[in-house]
Amino acid sequence: MDNEAGKLGMWLFLFTEFFLFGGLFLVYAVFRAKFSDGFHTGANDLNAMIGTINTVVLLVSSMTVAMAITAIQKGSNQKAILFLVATILLALVFMINKYFEWAHKIELHLFPGSEALQTLERGELLFFSLYYMMTGLHALHVIIGLTLLIICIFQIKAGNTHKGQYLLLENSGLYWHLVDLIWIFLFPLLYLLT
C-alpha cells in the first residue's frame, strides 16, 4: 500500500469524524442555549472528578501512543509494544471509569428509556440524552481504537510493522489522537460548563 495514499485516506476519514462530532456539538450548543437551566441541573449530576481523571488518562495515553510511534521509527519494536500496552491499559482505565459513571446513573434510573428520565423537565432530559449519545459514541471510538492498537501489537510481533513500514501504527495513533481530542471537547461541555 502506498504510504501517502494511506495517510491521506486516514486524514479524510478523520475529517468525517470531526463532522460527526461537530454536528453533535452544534446540537448541544443550540439546546444548551435554549434550555440552560435544565442543562445546568443535568451537569450538576455528573462527577467532575471522574471526568478530570479520564481527561488526564487520555492525555497520557496520547503521549504513550506517540512514544510507540517514535520507538518503531527508531527500530525499537519492544519499546513500541510496551508503549502500546501502556496505552491500552490507560484506555481500559478510561472505560472502567466510564462504566462506574454510567452504572451510577443507571442505579439512579437515569438511563435512556427509563421512566425516571422521562419525568425530567425537557432541558434535563435533552442534556442526559446528549450525554449518553456523545459519551456512548465516544466509548465506541475508544473500543475501536483499542482494537486497532491490539492489532498493531500483533503486527509488530509478526514483523509486519517495523522501522521501514509502520503506516498501520501511525494511522492507529492518529485515530487514537482523535479519540483524545473529542474527549477534550466533551469534558468541558458536559462536566465543567454548569
N, C-alpha and C. Protein backbone atom coordinates (compact mmCIF):
# COMPACT_ATOMS: atom_id res chain seq x y z
N MET A 1 0.85 -1.18 0.00
CA MET A 1 0.00 0.00 0.00
C MET A 1 0.89 1.24 0.00
N ASP A 2 0.53 2.19 -0.80
CA ASP A 2 1.26 3.45 -0.87
C ASP A 2 1.03 4.22 0.43
N ASN A 3 2.13 4.56 1.10
CA ASN A 3 2.02 5.24 2.40
C ASN A 3 1.31 6.58 2.31
N GLU A 4 1.58 7.33 1.26
CA GLU A 4 0.94 8.65 1.13
C GLU A 4 -0.56 8.51 0.95
N ALA A 5 -0.97 7.54 0.14
CA ALA A 5 -2.41 7.31 -0.06
C ALA A 5 -3.05 6.84 1.25
N GLY A 6 -2.34 5.98 1.99
CA GLY A 6 -2.85 5.51 3.28
C GLY A 6 -3.01 6.63 4.28
N LYS A 7 -2.04 7.53 4.32
CA LYS A 7 -2.13 8.68 5.24
C LYS A 7 -3.26 9.61 4.83
N LEU A 8 -3.37 9.87 3.52
CA LEU A 8 -4.42 10.76 3.02
C LEU A 8 -5.80 10.17 3.33
N GLY A 9 -5.95 8.86 3.11
CA GLY A 9 -7.21 8.21 3.41
C GLY A 9 -7.58 8.34 4.88
N MET A 10 -6.58 8.20 5.74
CA MET A 10 -6.84 8.31 7.18
C MET A 10 -7.27 9.73 7.54
N TRP A 11 -6.59 10.72 6.98
CA TRP A 11 -6.96 12.11 7.27
C TRP A 11 -8.37 12.42 6.78
N LEU A 12 -8.74 11.88 5.62
CA LEU A 12 -10.10 12.10 5.12
C LEU A 12 -11.12 11.45 6.06
N PHE A 13 -10.82 10.26 6.52
CA PHE A 13 -11.70 9.59 7.47
C PHE A 13 -11.83 10.41 8.76
N LEU A 14 -10.71 10.93 9.25
CA LEU A 14 -10.74 11.73 10.48
C LEU A 14 -11.61 12.97 10.30
N PHE A 15 -11.56 13.59 9.11
CA PHE A 15 -12.40 14.76 8.87
C PHE A 15 -13.88 14.40 8.93
N THR A 16 -14.25 13.21 8.44
CA THR A 16 -15.66 12.80 8.55
C THR A 16 -16.05 12.64 10.02
N GLU A 17 -15.12 12.16 10.83
CA GLU A 17 -15.39 12.02 12.26
C GLU A 17 -15.55 13.39 12.92
N PHE A 18 -14.75 14.37 12.48
CA PHE A 18 -14.90 15.73 13.01
C PHE A 18 -16.28 16.27 12.69
N PHE A 19 -16.77 15.98 11.47
CA PHE A 19 -18.11 16.46 11.10
C PHE A 19 -19.18 15.77 11.94
N LEU A 20 -19.03 14.49 12.20
CA LEU A 20 -20.00 13.76 13.02
C LEU A 20 -20.08 14.38 14.41
N PHE A 21 -18.95 14.49 15.08
CA PHE A 21 -18.96 15.05 16.43
C PHE A 21 -19.23 16.55 16.41
N GLY A 22 -18.78 17.23 15.36
CA GLY A 22 -19.08 18.66 15.24
C GLY A 22 -20.57 18.91 15.19
N GLY A 23 -21.30 18.04 14.48
CA GLY A 23 -22.75 18.15 14.43
C GLY A 23 -23.38 17.96 15.81
N LEU A 24 -22.86 16.98 16.54
CA LEU A 24 -23.37 16.76 17.90
C LEU A 24 -23.06 17.94 18.82
N PHE A 25 -21.86 18.52 18.66
CA PHE A 25 -21.51 19.68 19.48
C PHE A 25 -22.42 20.87 19.13
N LEU A 26 -22.76 21.00 17.86
CA LEU A 26 -23.66 22.08 17.44
C LEU A 26 -25.06 21.88 18.04
N VAL A 27 -25.57 20.65 17.98
CA VAL A 27 -26.87 20.34 18.59
C VAL A 27 -26.82 20.65 20.08
N TYR A 28 -25.73 20.24 20.73
CA TYR A 28 -25.56 20.51 22.16
C TYR A 28 -25.63 22.02 22.42
N ALA A 29 -24.90 22.81 21.63
CA ALA A 29 -24.85 24.26 21.83
C ALA A 29 -26.24 24.89 21.67
N VAL A 30 -26.98 24.46 20.66
CA VAL A 30 -28.31 25.02 20.42
C VAL A 30 -29.25 24.70 21.59
N PHE A 31 -29.27 23.43 22.00
CA PHE A 31 -30.16 23.05 23.09
C PHE A 31 -29.71 23.64 24.42
N ARG A 32 -28.42 23.77 24.61
CA ARG A 32 -27.93 24.37 25.85
C ARG A 32 -28.36 25.83 25.94
N ALA A 33 -28.30 26.54 24.82
CA ALA A 33 -28.73 27.93 24.80
C ALA A 33 -30.23 28.05 25.08
N LYS A 34 -31.00 27.09 24.57
CA LYS A 34 -32.45 27.15 24.72
C LYS A 34 -32.91 26.65 26.10
N PHE A 35 -32.21 25.67 26.66
CA PHE A 35 -32.62 25.06 27.93
C PHE A 35 -31.47 25.11 28.93
N SER A 36 -30.93 26.29 29.17
CA SER A 36 -29.73 26.40 30.00
C SER A 36 -29.95 25.92 31.44
N ASP A 37 -31.12 26.17 32.00
CA ASP A 37 -31.37 25.73 33.38
C ASP A 37 -31.36 24.21 33.49
N GLY A 38 -32.01 23.54 32.56
CA GLY A 38 -32.04 22.08 32.56
C GLY A 38 -30.66 21.48 32.34
N PHE A 39 -29.87 22.09 31.47
CA PHE A 39 -28.51 21.61 31.22
C PHE A 39 -27.65 21.82 32.46
N HIS A 40 -27.87 22.94 33.14
CA HIS A 40 -27.14 23.21 34.38
C HIS A 40 -27.46 22.15 35.43
N THR A 41 -28.73 21.83 35.59
CA THR A 41 -29.14 20.82 36.57
C THR A 41 -28.57 19.46 36.20
N GLY A 42 -28.63 19.09 34.93
CA GLY A 42 -28.09 17.80 34.48
C GLY A 42 -26.60 17.69 34.70
N ALA A 43 -25.88 18.75 34.36
CA ALA A 43 -24.42 18.74 34.51
C ALA A 43 -24.01 18.62 35.97
N ASN A 44 -24.81 19.16 36.87
CA ASN A 44 -24.51 19.05 38.30
C ASN A 44 -24.61 17.61 38.80
N ASP A 45 -25.32 16.76 38.06
CA ASP A 45 -25.44 15.35 38.44
C ASP A 45 -24.24 14.52 38.00
N LEU A 46 -23.34 15.10 37.21
CA LEU A 46 -22.16 14.37 36.75
C LEU A 46 -21.02 14.55 37.75
N ASN A 47 -20.11 13.60 37.77
CA ASN A 47 -18.97 13.64 38.67
C ASN A 47 -17.77 14.24 37.92
N ALA A 48 -17.48 15.49 38.21
CA ALA A 48 -16.38 16.18 37.53
C ALA A 48 -15.03 15.55 37.84
N MET A 49 -14.89 14.91 38.99
CA MET A 49 -13.61 14.26 39.34
C MET A 49 -13.34 13.08 38.39
N ILE A 50 -14.37 12.27 38.14
CA ILE A 50 -14.19 11.16 37.19
C ILE A 50 -13.86 11.70 35.81
N GLY A 51 -14.56 12.75 35.40
CA GLY A 51 -14.27 13.37 34.11
C GLY A 51 -12.85 13.89 34.03
N THR A 52 -12.36 14.48 35.11
CA THR A 52 -11.00 15.00 35.16
C THR A 52 -9.98 13.86 35.09
N ILE A 53 -10.22 12.81 35.86
CA ILE A 53 -9.32 11.65 35.82
C ILE A 53 -9.28 11.07 34.41
N ASN A 54 -10.45 10.93 33.80
CA ASN A 54 -10.48 10.39 32.43
C ASN A 54 -9.75 11.29 31.44
N THR A 55 -9.81 12.58 31.65
CA THR A 55 -9.10 13.51 30.77
C THR A 55 -7.60 13.32 30.90
N VAL A 56 -7.12 13.24 32.13
CA VAL A 56 -5.68 13.02 32.35
C VAL A 56 -5.25 11.68 31.77
N VAL A 57 -6.06 10.65 32.00
CA VAL A 57 -5.75 9.31 31.48
C VAL A 57 -5.62 9.34 29.96
N LEU A 58 -6.56 9.99 29.29
CA LEU A 58 -6.49 10.03 27.82
C LEU A 58 -5.34 10.89 27.31
N LEU A 59 -5.03 11.97 28.00
CA LEU A 59 -3.89 12.79 27.59
C LEU A 59 -2.58 12.01 27.71
N VAL A 60 -2.44 11.26 28.79
CA VAL A 60 -1.24 10.43 28.96
C VAL A 60 -1.21 9.33 27.89
N SER A 61 -2.38 8.78 27.56
CA SER A 61 -2.43 7.73 26.53
C SER A 61 -2.04 8.28 25.16
N SER A 62 -2.35 9.54 24.91
CA SER A 62 -1.90 10.16 23.65
C SER A 62 -0.38 10.23 23.61
N MET A 63 0.20 10.54 24.75
CA MET A 63 1.66 10.59 24.83
C MET A 63 2.26 9.20 24.60
N THR A 64 1.68 8.18 25.22
CA THR A 64 2.27 6.85 25.09
C THR A 64 2.12 6.30 23.68
N VAL A 65 1.03 6.61 23.00
CA VAL A 65 0.90 6.13 21.61
C VAL A 65 1.90 6.88 20.72
N ALA A 66 2.13 8.16 20.99
CA ALA A 66 3.14 8.90 20.21
C ALA A 66 4.53 8.33 20.48
N MET A 67 4.78 7.94 21.72
CA MET A 67 6.07 7.33 22.06
C MET A 67 6.24 5.97 21.36
N ALA A 68 5.14 5.24 21.19
CA ALA A 68 5.20 3.96 20.47
C ALA A 68 5.59 4.18 19.02
N ILE A 69 5.03 5.21 18.40
CA ILE A 69 5.36 5.52 17.00
C ILE A 69 6.83 5.93 16.90
N THR A 70 7.29 6.76 17.82
CA THR A 70 8.70 7.17 17.82
C THR A 70 9.61 5.96 18.01
N ALA A 71 9.22 5.07 18.90
CA ALA A 71 10.03 3.87 19.15
C ALA A 71 10.14 3.01 17.91
N ILE A 72 9.03 2.82 17.20
CA ILE A 72 9.07 1.98 16.00
C ILE A 72 9.91 2.65 14.91
N GLN A 73 9.83 3.97 14.83
CA GLN A 73 10.64 4.70 13.84
C GLN A 73 12.13 4.55 14.13
N LYS A 74 12.47 4.38 15.39
CA LYS A 74 13.88 4.20 15.77
C LYS A 74 14.30 2.74 15.77
N GLY A 75 13.37 1.86 15.37
CA GLY A 75 13.69 0.44 15.28
C GLY A 75 13.60 -0.31 16.59
N SER A 76 12.99 0.27 17.59
CA SER A 76 12.86 -0.38 18.90
C SER A 76 11.46 -0.97 19.03
N ASN A 77 11.29 -2.15 18.45
CA ASN A 77 9.97 -2.78 18.43
C ASN A 77 9.46 -3.12 19.83
N GLN A 78 10.34 -3.59 20.71
CA GLN A 78 9.90 -3.96 22.06
C GLN A 78 9.41 -2.74 22.84
N LYS A 79 10.09 -1.61 22.69
CA LYS A 79 9.63 -0.39 23.36
C LYS A 79 8.28 0.04 22.79
N ALA A 80 8.14 -0.09 21.47
CA ALA A 80 6.87 0.27 20.85
C ALA A 80 5.74 -0.56 21.43
N ILE A 81 5.98 -1.85 21.58
CA ILE A 81 4.96 -2.75 22.17
C ILE A 81 4.66 -2.33 23.61
N LEU A 82 5.69 -2.03 24.38
CA LEU A 82 5.46 -1.60 25.77
C LEU A 82 4.62 -0.33 25.84
N PHE A 83 4.92 0.63 24.97
CA PHE A 83 4.14 1.87 24.96
C PHE A 83 2.71 1.62 24.50
N LEU A 84 2.53 0.68 23.57
CA LEU A 84 1.17 0.34 23.15
C LEU A 84 0.41 -0.35 24.27
N VAL A 85 1.07 -1.23 25.00
CA VAL A 85 0.43 -1.88 26.15
C VAL A 85 0.03 -0.82 27.18
N ALA A 86 0.90 0.15 27.42
CA ALA A 86 0.57 1.23 28.36
C ALA A 86 -0.65 2.00 27.87
N THR A 87 -0.71 2.28 26.58
CA THR A 87 -1.85 3.00 26.01
C THR A 87 -3.13 2.19 26.19
N ILE A 88 -3.05 0.90 25.94
CA ILE A 88 -4.22 0.03 26.10
C ILE A 88 -4.67 -0.01 27.56
N LEU A 89 -3.74 -0.12 28.48
CA LEU A 89 -4.09 -0.13 29.91
C LEU A 89 -4.76 1.19 30.31
N LEU A 90 -4.25 2.30 29.81
CA LEU A 90 -4.86 3.59 30.10
C LEU A 90 -6.28 3.68 29.52
N ALA A 91 -6.44 3.14 28.33
CA ALA A 91 -7.77 3.13 27.71
C ALA A 91 -8.74 2.28 28.54
N LEU A 92 -8.24 1.18 29.07
CA LEU A 92 -9.08 0.34 29.92
C LEU A 92 -9.46 1.07 31.22
N VAL A 93 -8.53 1.84 31.77
CA VAL A 93 -8.86 2.66 32.95
C VAL A 93 -9.97 3.63 32.61
N PHE A 94 -9.87 4.27 31.44
CA PHE A 94 -10.91 5.19 30.99
C PHE A 94 -12.25 4.48 30.92
N MET A 95 -12.28 3.30 30.30
CA MET A 95 -13.54 2.57 30.12
C MET A 95 -14.09 2.08 31.47
N ILE A 96 -13.23 1.69 32.39
CA ILE A 96 -13.70 1.26 33.71
C ILE A 96 -14.32 2.45 34.45
N ASN A 97 -13.68 3.61 34.37
CA ASN A 97 -14.26 4.81 34.97
C ASN A 97 -15.62 5.14 34.35
N LYS A 98 -15.69 5.02 33.03
CA LYS A 98 -16.95 5.30 32.33
C LYS A 98 -18.02 4.29 32.75
N TYR A 99 -17.62 3.04 32.93
CA TYR A 99 -18.57 2.01 33.38
C TYR A 99 -19.15 2.40 34.74
N PHE A 100 -18.29 2.77 35.69
CA PHE A 100 -18.79 3.12 37.02
C PHE A 100 -19.65 4.37 36.97
N GLU A 101 -19.30 5.31 36.11
CA GLU A 101 -20.10 6.52 35.99
C GLU A 101 -21.49 6.19 35.44
N TRP A 102 -21.52 5.41 34.38
CA TRP A 102 -22.81 5.01 33.81
C TRP A 102 -23.60 4.14 34.80
N ALA A 103 -22.90 3.23 35.49
CA ALA A 103 -23.59 2.34 36.45
C ALA A 103 -24.27 3.17 37.54
N HIS A 104 -23.61 4.23 37.98
CA HIS A 104 -24.22 5.11 38.98
C HIS A 104 -25.48 5.76 38.43
N LYS A 105 -25.43 6.21 37.19
CA LYS A 105 -26.61 6.83 36.57
C LYS A 105 -27.74 5.80 36.42
N ILE A 106 -27.38 4.58 36.06
CA ILE A 106 -28.38 3.52 35.90
C ILE A 106 -29.00 3.18 37.26
N GLU A 107 -28.17 3.19 38.30
CA GLU A 107 -28.66 2.95 39.66
C GLU A 107 -29.69 4.00 40.07
N LEU A 108 -29.49 5.22 39.58
CA LEU A 108 -30.44 6.31 39.85
C LEU A 108 -31.61 6.30 38.87
N HIS A 109 -31.65 5.29 38.01
CA HIS A 109 -32.69 5.13 36.99
C HIS A 109 -32.66 6.24 35.95
N LEU A 110 -31.47 6.80 35.72
CA LEU A 110 -31.30 7.83 34.70
C LEU A 110 -30.56 7.22 33.50
N PHE A 111 -31.30 6.48 32.70
CA PHE A 111 -30.72 5.87 31.51
C PHE A 111 -31.75 5.97 30.39
N PRO A 112 -31.30 5.91 29.14
CA PRO A 112 -32.23 6.06 28.01
C PRO A 112 -33.40 5.08 28.09
N GLY A 113 -34.59 5.63 27.99
CA GLY A 113 -35.81 4.83 28.02
C GLY A 113 -36.39 4.61 29.40
N SER A 114 -35.68 5.03 30.44
CA SER A 114 -36.20 4.81 31.80
C SER A 114 -37.34 5.77 32.10
N GLU A 115 -38.22 5.31 32.99
CA GLU A 115 -39.34 6.17 33.39
C GLU A 115 -38.85 7.41 34.13
N ALA A 116 -37.82 7.24 34.97
CA ALA A 116 -37.29 8.38 35.73
C ALA A 116 -36.75 9.46 34.80
N LEU A 117 -36.09 9.04 33.72
CA LEU A 117 -35.55 10.02 32.77
C LEU A 117 -36.68 10.75 32.06
N GLN A 118 -37.75 10.02 31.76
CA GLN A 118 -38.88 10.63 31.05
C GLN A 118 -39.62 11.65 31.91
N THR A 119 -39.48 11.56 33.24
CA THR A 119 -40.19 12.51 34.11
C THR A 119 -39.42 13.82 34.31
N LEU A 120 -38.18 13.88 33.84
CA LEU A 120 -37.38 15.10 33.99
C LEU A 120 -37.94 16.20 33.10
N GLU A 121 -37.66 17.43 33.48
CA GLU A 121 -38.08 18.54 32.61
C GLU A 121 -37.28 18.48 31.31
N ARG A 122 -37.79 19.10 30.29
CA ARG A 122 -37.27 18.95 28.92
C ARG A 122 -35.77 19.21 28.80
N GLY A 123 -35.27 20.27 29.41
CA GLY A 123 -33.85 20.61 29.29
C GLY A 123 -32.95 19.54 29.88
N GLU A 124 -33.34 19.04 31.05
CA GLU A 124 -32.56 18.00 31.70
C GLU A 124 -32.62 16.69 30.90
N LEU A 125 -33.79 16.38 30.36
CA LEU A 125 -33.94 15.21 29.50
C LEU A 125 -33.04 15.31 28.27
N LEU A 126 -33.00 16.48 27.65
CA LEU A 126 -32.14 16.68 26.49
C LEU A 126 -30.66 16.57 26.88
N PHE A 127 -30.31 17.12 28.04
CA PHE A 127 -28.92 17.01 28.49
C PHE A 127 -28.51 15.56 28.61
N PHE A 128 -29.30 14.74 29.32
CA PHE A 128 -28.93 13.35 29.52
C PHE A 128 -28.98 12.55 28.21
N SER A 129 -29.90 12.90 27.33
CA SER A 129 -29.94 12.23 26.03
C SER A 129 -28.65 12.50 25.26
N LEU A 130 -28.22 13.76 25.24
CA LEU A 130 -26.96 14.10 24.55
C LEU A 130 -25.76 13.52 25.29
N TYR A 131 -25.81 13.50 26.61
CA TYR A 131 -24.73 12.92 27.40
C TYR A 131 -24.52 11.46 27.01
N TYR A 132 -25.60 10.69 27.01
CA TYR A 132 -25.46 9.27 26.67
C TYR A 132 -25.07 9.08 25.20
N MET A 133 -25.63 9.89 24.33
CA MET A 133 -25.30 9.75 22.91
C MET A 133 -23.83 10.07 22.65
N MET A 134 -23.36 11.19 23.19
CA MET A 134 -21.99 11.62 22.91
C MET A 134 -20.97 10.77 23.63
N THR A 135 -21.20 10.46 24.91
CA THR A 135 -20.22 9.63 25.62
C THR A 135 -20.28 8.18 25.14
N GLY A 136 -21.46 7.72 24.75
CA GLY A 136 -21.57 6.37 24.20
C GLY A 136 -20.86 6.24 22.85
N LEU A 137 -21.05 7.24 22.00
CA LEU A 137 -20.36 7.23 20.71
C LEU A 137 -18.85 7.35 20.91
N HIS A 138 -18.45 8.16 21.88
CA HIS A 138 -17.02 8.27 22.19
C HIS A 138 -16.48 6.94 22.71
N ALA A 139 -17.23 6.28 23.59
CA ALA A 139 -16.80 4.98 24.12
C ALA A 139 -16.65 3.95 22.99
N LEU A 140 -17.55 4.00 22.02
CA LEU A 140 -17.42 3.12 20.85
C LEU A 140 -16.11 3.40 20.11
N HIS A 141 -15.76 4.66 19.98
CA HIS A 141 -14.49 5.03 19.34
C HIS A 141 -13.30 4.55 20.16
N VAL A 142 -13.42 4.60 21.48
CA VAL A 142 -12.34 4.07 22.34
C VAL A 142 -12.16 2.58 22.08
N ILE A 143 -13.26 1.85 22.00
CA ILE A 143 -13.20 0.40 21.76
C ILE A 143 -12.57 0.11 20.39
N ILE A 144 -12.95 0.87 19.39
CA ILE A 144 -12.36 0.70 18.06
C ILE A 144 -10.86 1.00 18.12
N GLY A 145 -10.49 2.09 18.81
CA GLY A 145 -9.08 2.44 18.96
C GLY A 145 -8.30 1.36 19.68
N LEU A 146 -8.89 0.80 20.74
CA LEU A 146 -8.26 -0.30 21.47
C LEU A 146 -8.01 -1.49 20.54
N THR A 147 -9.00 -1.81 19.74
CA THR A 147 -8.87 -2.93 18.80
C THR A 147 -7.73 -2.68 17.81
N LEU A 148 -7.65 -1.46 17.29
CA LEU A 148 -6.57 -1.12 16.35
C LEU A 148 -5.20 -1.24 17.02
N LEU A 149 -5.10 -0.78 18.26
CA LEU A 149 -3.81 -0.84 18.96
C LEU A 149 -3.41 -2.28 19.26
N ILE A 150 -4.37 -3.12 19.58
CA ILE A 150 -4.07 -4.54 19.80
C ILE A 150 -3.60 -5.19 18.50
N ILE A 151 -4.25 -4.85 17.40
CA ILE A 151 -3.82 -5.36 16.09
C ILE A 151 -2.39 -4.91 15.81
N CYS A 152 -2.08 -3.67 16.15
CA CYS A 152 -0.71 -3.15 15.93
C CYS A 152 0.31 -3.97 16.70
N ILE A 153 -0.01 -4.34 17.92
CA ILE A 153 0.93 -5.15 18.71
C ILE A 153 1.20 -6.47 17.99
N PHE A 154 0.14 -7.12 17.53
CA PHE A 154 0.31 -8.40 16.83
C PHE A 154 1.09 -8.21 15.52
N GLN A 155 0.87 -7.10 14.85
CA GLN A 155 1.59 -6.84 13.60
C GLN A 155 3.08 -6.57 13.85
N ILE A 156 3.38 -5.91 14.96
CA ILE A 156 4.79 -5.70 15.32
C ILE A 156 5.44 -7.04 15.66
N LYS A 157 4.74 -7.85 16.45
CA LYS A 157 5.28 -9.16 16.83
C LYS A 157 5.49 -10.05 15.61
N ALA A 158 4.60 -9.93 14.62
CA ALA A 158 4.70 -10.75 13.41
C ALA A 158 5.76 -10.22 12.44
N GLY A 159 6.28 -9.03 12.72
CA GLY A 159 7.29 -8.45 11.85
C GLY A 159 6.72 -7.67 10.68
N ASN A 160 5.39 -7.51 10.63
CA ASN A 160 4.76 -6.77 9.53
C ASN A 160 4.82 -5.25 9.74
N THR A 161 4.93 -4.83 10.98
CA THR A 161 5.09 -3.41 11.30
C THR A 161 6.47 -3.27 11.93
N HIS A 162 7.26 -2.40 11.31
CA HIS A 162 8.66 -2.22 11.75
C HIS A 162 9.14 -0.85 11.30
N LYS A 163 10.42 -0.60 11.49
CA LYS A 163 11.02 0.71 11.19
C LYS A 163 10.74 1.16 9.75
N GLY A 164 10.73 0.23 8.82
CA GLY A 164 10.52 0.58 7.42
C GLY A 164 9.07 0.62 6.99
N GLN A 165 8.17 0.06 7.78
CA GLN A 165 6.75 0.01 7.43
C GLN A 165 5.91 0.09 8.70
N TYR A 166 5.41 1.28 8.98
CA TYR A 166 4.63 1.48 10.22
C TYR A 166 3.37 2.29 9.97
N LEU A 167 2.85 2.24 8.76
CA LEU A 167 1.65 3.01 8.43
C LEU A 167 0.46 2.63 9.31
N LEU A 168 0.27 1.35 9.56
CA LEU A 168 -0.85 0.92 10.41
C LEU A 168 -0.74 1.54 11.80
N LEU A 169 0.45 1.50 12.36
CA LEU A 169 0.65 2.08 13.69
C LEU A 169 0.46 3.59 13.66
N GLU A 170 0.98 4.23 12.63
CA GLU A 170 0.84 5.69 12.52
C GLU A 170 -0.63 6.09 12.38
N ASN A 171 -1.37 5.39 11.53
CA ASN A 171 -2.80 5.71 11.36
C ASN A 171 -3.60 5.37 12.61
N SER A 172 -3.24 4.27 13.27
CA SER A 172 -3.91 3.93 14.53
C SER A 172 -3.63 5.00 15.58
N GLY A 173 -2.41 5.52 15.60
CA GLY A 173 -2.06 6.61 16.51
C GLY A 173 -2.86 7.87 16.21
N LEU A 174 -3.03 8.18 14.93
CA LEU A 174 -3.86 9.33 14.55
C LEU A 174 -5.29 9.15 15.03
N TYR A 175 -5.80 7.94 14.84
CA TYR A 175 -7.16 7.66 15.30
C TYR A 175 -7.26 7.83 16.82
N TRP A 176 -6.23 7.35 17.52
CA TRP A 176 -6.25 7.48 18.98
C TRP A 176 -6.20 8.95 19.40
N HIS A 177 -5.44 9.75 18.69
CA HIS A 177 -5.40 11.19 19.00
C HIS A 177 -6.77 11.82 18.76
N LEU A 178 -7.49 11.35 17.74
CA LEU A 178 -8.86 11.84 17.50
C LEU A 178 -9.75 11.52 18.70
N VAL A 179 -9.64 10.29 19.21
CA VAL A 179 -10.42 9.89 20.39
C VAL A 179 -10.14 10.84 21.55
N ASP A 180 -8.86 11.16 21.75
CA ASP A 180 -8.48 12.06 22.83
C ASP A 180 -9.00 13.48 22.59
N LEU A 181 -8.87 13.94 21.35
CA LEU A 181 -9.31 15.29 21.01
C LEU A 181 -10.82 15.46 21.23
N ILE A 182 -11.58 14.45 20.83
CA ILE A 182 -13.03 14.51 21.03
C ILE A 182 -13.34 14.63 22.52
N TRP A 183 -12.62 13.85 23.35
CA TRP A 183 -12.86 13.93 24.80
C TRP A 183 -12.51 15.31 25.34
N ILE A 184 -11.48 15.93 24.79
CA ILE A 184 -11.08 17.27 25.25
C ILE A 184 -12.23 18.26 25.05
N PHE A 185 -13.06 18.04 24.03
CA PHE A 185 -14.25 18.89 23.84
C PHE A 185 -15.42 18.41 24.70
N LEU A 186 -15.59 17.10 24.82
CA LEU A 186 -16.71 16.57 25.61
C LEU A 186 -16.59 16.92 27.09
N PHE A 187 -15.40 16.81 27.61
CA PHE A 187 -15.20 17.02 29.05
C PHE A 187 -15.71 18.38 29.52
N PRO A 188 -15.26 19.49 28.95
CA PRO A 188 -15.77 20.77 29.47
C PRO A 188 -17.26 20.97 29.17
N LEU A 189 -17.72 20.51 28.00
CA LEU A 189 -19.13 20.70 27.66
C LEU A 189 -20.05 20.01 28.66
N LEU A 190 -19.70 18.79 29.03
CA LEU A 190 -20.58 18.00 29.87
C LEU A 190 -20.32 18.20 31.37
N TYR A 191 -19.06 18.34 31.74
CA TYR A 191 -18.71 18.31 33.17
C TYR A 191 -18.41 19.68 33.78
N LEU A 192 -17.94 20.61 32.99
CA LEU A 192 -17.47 21.87 33.58
C LEU A 192 -18.40 23.06 33.35
N LEU A 193 -19.10 23.07 32.24
CA LEU A 193 -19.97 24.22 31.93
C LEU A 193 -21.32 24.06 32.62
N THR A 194 -21.31 24.21 33.92
CA THR A 194 -22.56 24.04 34.69
C THR A 194 -23.28 25.34 34.88
